Protein backbone atom coordinates (compact mmCIF):
# COMPACT_ATOMS: atom_id res chain seq x y z
CA MET A 1 88.46 83.06 89.09
CA LYS A 2 88.32 85.33 85.97
CA ILE A 3 90.11 88.50 86.45
CA ASP A 4 89.16 91.33 83.83
CA THR A 5 92.38 92.48 82.31
CA ALA A 6 91.33 94.71 79.35
CA PRO A 7 93.15 97.98 78.86
CA SER A 8 91.80 100.93 79.85
CA ALA A 9 92.36 104.25 78.18
CA SER A 10 94.07 105.77 80.99
CA SER A 11 96.74 103.27 81.67
CA THR A 12 98.41 100.43 79.89
CA LEU A 13 99.31 99.08 83.51
CA SER A 14 95.57 98.24 83.72
CA ALA A 15 96.10 95.52 80.84
CA SER A 16 98.52 93.52 83.36
CA PRO A 17 96.51 90.87 85.70
CA LEU A 18 98.97 91.58 88.60
CA HIS A 19 97.82 95.30 88.42
CA ALA A 20 94.16 93.99 88.21
CA VAL A 21 94.58 91.66 91.35
CA GLU A 22 96.35 94.48 93.20
CA SER A 23 93.52 97.10 92.37
CA ALA A 24 90.80 94.51 93.27
CA PHE A 25 92.69 93.83 96.71
CA LEU A 26 92.92 97.60 97.74
CA GLY A 27 89.30 98.01 96.90
CA LEU A 28 88.66 95.41 99.61
CA CYS A 29 91.02 97.12 101.95
CA VAL A 30 89.82 100.78 101.66
CA SER A 31 85.94 100.06 101.68
CA ASP A 32 83.65 101.10 104.63
CA ALA A 33 83.83 97.31 105.70
CA PRO A 34 87.21 96.04 104.72
CA LEU A 35 87.36 92.42 104.40
CA THR A 36 88.71 90.66 107.51
CA PHE A 37 90.33 87.65 108.58
CA PRO A 38 90.30 85.45 111.98
CA ALA A 39 93.37 86.89 114.16
CA SER A 40 93.42 83.31 115.95
CA PHE A 41 95.35 81.88 112.81
CA LEU A 42 98.24 84.30 113.55
CA GLN A 43 98.53 82.85 116.77
CA ALA A 44 101.41 84.82 118.55
CA ALA A 45 101.88 87.23 115.84
CA ALA A 46 98.16 88.45 116.25
CA PRO A 47 97.68 91.87 117.81
CA GLY A 48 96.45 91.60 121.28
CA GLY A 49 92.79 91.60 122.14
CA ARG A 50 92.04 91.52 118.50
CA VAL A 51 89.34 89.02 117.11
CA SER A 52 90.08 89.69 113.45
CA VAL A 53 92.45 91.69 111.33
CA THR A 54 92.02 93.51 108.15
CA VAL A 55 93.30 91.65 105.03
CA ALA A 56 95.71 94.85 104.71
CA GLU A 57 97.27 93.91 108.26
CA LEU A 58 97.29 90.32 107.41
CA ARG A 59 99.60 90.72 104.33
CA LYS A 60 101.86 93.10 106.49
CA THR A 61 102.19 90.32 109.04
CA LEU A 62 102.66 87.54 106.60
CA LEU A 63 105.69 89.80 104.87
CA ALA A 64 107.29 90.39 108.37
CA LYS A 65 110.57 88.17 108.53
CA SER A 66 109.62 87.61 112.38
CA THR A 67 106.72 85.63 111.48
CA PRO A 68 107.17 82.05 111.90
CA LEU A 69 106.79 79.72 108.97
CA THR A 70 104.46 77.57 110.75
CA VAL A 71 102.07 80.67 111.40
CA ARG A 72 102.36 81.40 107.70
CA ASP A 73 101.36 77.93 106.97
CA GLU A 74 98.63 78.01 109.00
CA VAL A 75 97.29 81.23 107.54
CA TRP A 76 97.71 80.19 103.76
CA GLY A 77 96.04 76.95 104.56
CA GLU A 78 93.07 78.81 105.38
CA LEU A 79 93.53 81.17 102.55
CA VAL A 80 93.48 78.29 100.29
CA ARG A 81 90.48 76.67 101.81
CA ARG A 82 88.52 79.98 101.50
CA SER A 83 89.47 80.55 97.76
CA ARG A 84 88.47 76.97 97.02
CA SER A 85 85.16 77.13 98.92
CA MET A 86 84.25 80.80 98.51
CA ALA A 87 86.31 81.98 95.37
CA GLY A 88 85.62 85.66 94.59
CA ALA A 89 87.13 88.02 97.01
CA TRP A 90 89.26 85.35 98.77
CA THR A 91 90.98 84.21 95.50
CA VAL A 92 91.91 87.97 95.14
CA VAL A 93 93.19 87.84 98.56
CA ALA A 94 95.40 84.82 98.28
CA VAL A 95 97.00 86.05 95.10
CA ALA A 96 97.52 89.55 96.60
CA MET A 97 99.07 87.95 99.80
CA ALA A 98 101.81 86.59 97.32
CA MET A 99 102.03 89.77 95.31
CA PRO A 100 105.44 90.91 96.20
CA ALA A 101 106.87 87.70 95.20
CA LEU A 102 104.98 87.59 92.04
CA LYS A 103 106.02 90.95 91.03
CA THR A 104 109.76 90.00 91.56
CA ILE A 105 109.15 87.43 89.68
CA ALA A 106 107.64 89.21 86.94
CA ALA A 107 110.25 91.85 86.79
CA SER A 108 113.04 89.45 86.69
CA PHE A 109 111.80 87.45 83.78
CA ALA A 110 110.65 90.87 81.94
CA ARG A 111 114.10 91.50 81.13
CA SER A 112 114.32 88.55 78.92
CA PHE A 113 110.71 88.51 77.34
CA ASP A 114 110.20 89.97 74.09
CA GLY A 115 106.14 89.81 74.24
CA ALA A 116 103.88 92.00 75.60
CA VAL A 117 104.41 92.27 79.58
CA ALA A 118 100.85 91.63 80.29
CA ASP A 119 101.15 88.11 78.67
CA LEU A 120 104.20 87.34 80.94
CA ASP A 121 102.10 88.44 83.96
CA GLY A 122 99.14 86.36 82.86
CA GLU A 123 101.01 83.25 82.65
CA ILE A 124 102.31 83.92 86.14
CA VAL A 125 99.00 84.42 87.67
CA THR A 126 97.43 81.44 85.71
CA ALA A 127 99.96 79.13 86.96
CA PHE A 128 99.53 80.69 90.73
CA LEU A 129 95.67 80.05 90.54
CA ALA A 130 96.12 76.72 89.10
CA HIS A 131 98.43 75.36 91.72
CA LEU A 132 96.19 77.32 94.27
CA ALA A 133 93.31 74.79 93.27
CA THR A 134 95.31 71.64 93.60
CA ILE A 135 98.29 72.12 96.46
CA ASP A 136 98.47 70.11 99.22
CA ILE A 137 98.12 72.15 102.36
CA THR A 138 98.73 69.37 104.65
CA ARG A 139 102.53 69.82 103.64
CA PRO A 140 104.67 72.82 104.93
CA ALA A 141 105.95 75.78 102.87
CA ILE A 142 102.62 76.32 101.12
CA LEU A 143 103.64 79.84 99.62
CA PRO A 144 107.09 78.91 98.42
CA ARG A 145 105.41 76.12 96.81
CA LEU A 146 102.93 78.24 95.05
CA ARG A 147 105.65 80.88 94.41
CA TRP A 148 107.60 78.21 92.73
CA ALA A 149 104.89 77.44 90.55
CA ALA A 150 104.80 80.66 89.29
CA PHE A 151 108.40 81.07 88.75
CA ARG A 152 108.48 77.89 86.59
CA ALA A 153 105.72 79.30 84.33
CA ALA A 154 107.57 82.43 83.72
CA GLU A 155 110.52 80.63 82.84
CA ARG A 156 108.77 78.27 80.46
CA THR A 157 107.07 81.40 78.82
CA VAL A 158 110.40 83.38 78.22
CA ALA A 159 111.97 80.18 77.18
CA SER A 160 109.12 79.48 74.67
CA GLU A 161 109.40 83.25 73.25
CA ILE A 162 113.05 82.80 73.03
CA ASP A 163 112.83 79.55 70.94
CA PHE A 164 110.16 81.30 69.00
CA VAL A 165 112.19 84.23 68.28
CA ARG A 166 115.10 81.96 67.27
CA HIS A 167 113.39 79.92 64.81
CA ALA A 168 111.42 82.89 63.30
CA SER A 169 114.18 84.97 62.51
CA THR A 170 115.51 85.17 58.87
CA HIS A 171 118.80 86.61 60.01
CA ARG A 172 120.66 83.60 61.37
CA SER A 173 123.92 85.30 61.43
CA GLU A 174 122.56 88.01 63.92
CA PRO A 175 122.84 87.27 67.47
CA PRO A 176 119.68 86.43 69.59
CA ARG A 177 117.92 89.39 70.88
CA MET A 178 117.32 88.02 74.11
CA PRO A 179 119.96 87.91 77.13
CA PHE A 180 120.48 84.02 76.92
CA GLY A 181 122.90 84.33 80.01
CA HIS A 182 120.22 84.99 82.34
CA GLU A 183 120.62 82.82 85.40
CA ASP A 184 117.13 81.05 85.15
CA LEU A 185 117.45 80.48 81.54
CA VAL A 186 120.94 78.87 82.27
CA LEU A 187 119.38 76.32 84.59
CA ALA A 188 116.70 75.57 81.89
CA ARG A 189 119.39 74.90 79.17
CA ALA A 190 121.31 72.87 81.69
CA GLU A 191 118.13 70.74 82.48
CA ARG A 192 117.34 70.21 79.08
CA GLU A 193 120.95 69.11 78.14
CA GLY A 194 120.89 66.62 81.02
CA VAL A 195 123.54 68.38 83.15
CA LEU A 196 120.88 68.81 85.87
CA THR A 197 117.66 66.78 86.66
CA ALA A 198 114.54 68.93 86.85
CA ALA A 199 114.64 68.74 90.76
CA ASP A 200 117.95 69.88 90.89
CA ALA A 201 117.30 72.76 88.72
CA ASP A 202 114.20 73.62 90.97
CA LEU A 203 116.18 73.56 93.99
CA ILE A 204 119.13 75.72 92.79
CA GLY A 205 116.34 78.24 91.41
CA MET A 206 114.62 78.29 94.37
CA THR A 207 117.38 78.66 97.13
CA ARG A 208 119.85 80.96 94.56
CA LEU A 209 117.37 83.04 92.82
CA GLU A 210 114.10 82.94 94.46
CA GLY A 211 115.54 83.48 98.14
CA VAL A 212 113.71 80.46 99.66
CA ALA A 213 115.93 79.39 102.51
CA LEU A 214 117.54 75.88 102.90
CA VAL A 215 115.42 75.25 105.71
CA GLU A 216 111.98 75.98 103.90
CA ALA A 217 113.33 73.87 101.00
CA ALA A 218 114.16 70.87 103.26
CA GLU A 219 110.48 71.19 104.41
CA MET A 220 108.90 71.06 100.96
CA LEU A 221 111.08 68.16 100.16
CA GLY A 222 110.64 66.24 103.46
CA VAL A 223 114.26 66.07 104.23
CA THR A 224 116.90 67.51 106.54
CA ALA A 225 118.35 70.97 105.84
CA ASN A 226 121.85 69.46 105.52
CA ALA A 227 120.67 66.93 103.17
CA VAL A 228 119.34 69.80 100.74
CA LYS A 229 122.52 71.64 101.19
CA ILE A 230 124.61 68.57 100.19
CA ARG A 231 122.40 67.84 97.37
CA ARG A 232 122.57 71.51 96.22
CA GLN A 233 126.59 71.32 96.48
CA ARG A 234 126.56 68.48 94.04
CA ALA A 235 124.22 69.93 91.75
CA GLU A 236 126.07 73.29 91.62
CA ALA A 237 129.22 71.41 91.16
CA ARG A 238 128.15 69.88 88.08
CA LEU A 239 126.76 73.08 86.63
CA VAL A 240 129.96 74.96 87.23
CA ALA A 241 131.97 72.19 85.55
CA TRP A 242 129.48 72.31 82.58
CA LEU A 243 129.54 76.16 82.15
CA ARG A 244 133.47 76.11 82.24
CA GLY A 245 133.45 73.36 79.50
CA GLN A 246 135.15 70.95 81.99
CA PRO A 247 134.05 67.27 82.30
CA VAL A 248 130.84 66.96 84.43
CA PRO A 249 131.68 64.96 87.54
CA SER A 250 129.62 62.12 88.32
CA LYS A 251 127.42 61.87 91.56
CA SER A 252 129.81 59.37 93.08
CA ALA A 253 133.05 61.66 92.32
CA LEU A 254 131.07 64.49 94.32
CA VAL A 255 130.76 62.66 97.52
CA GLN A 256 134.07 63.81 98.74
CA SER A 257 132.62 67.58 98.43
CA ARG A 258 130.30 66.54 101.25
CA GLY A 259 131.57 68.89 103.97
CA ARG A 260 132.03 72.01 101.86
CA ALA A 261 129.79 74.68 101.79
């Protein structure tokens, strides 16, 4: 789906793809005939006696902490199917349902991005849409996987901008203008230097920075929550040692830390 992100004379916010999607979504909510979604997909979370809910009500339900992951996956599976088969409004709805998470990602990385914020937002939306078109909806934790694809796109965009600024600068004695200590960029550097595998960097980023619960991460990986906890412990032990300038322990040396949180 192509979203018109040309800036308007009234507001620079209109240049942001995230703002464009949110505006389009609100248009679907406040029209004389707001877009609706079958209430049956909400199972026990559906309002009593209702055959359908508006997409505004749907987003509120999906954001509620009390809504089970199984219900969210059921809804997200249908949203992905509708986006793929009908596109248009349903693609807008799919992105809008993830808007709070996407805005959080954008705000977090904007602090480290020296380019136009609209460009960063565009990379986030583009990655989300690309993953929306290919994601396996038979696996659980659909939204966390979509969200993580957007997170990784933002991370790559910021890292690329930092590299560009570093190499383009003619004042080699000046410190970088970017906050190189930002947590997500630390993970990216640790991955590049071989301290962490890409999978372990993803796991730490998801569960420590993105707020994905260990249970959700375990479902995404197809393992138990305890296995994910142990894997994260060992990866973080290697990361901490590297950050402190200490020898990075081998995986076999970390077996003894299995019972520690």
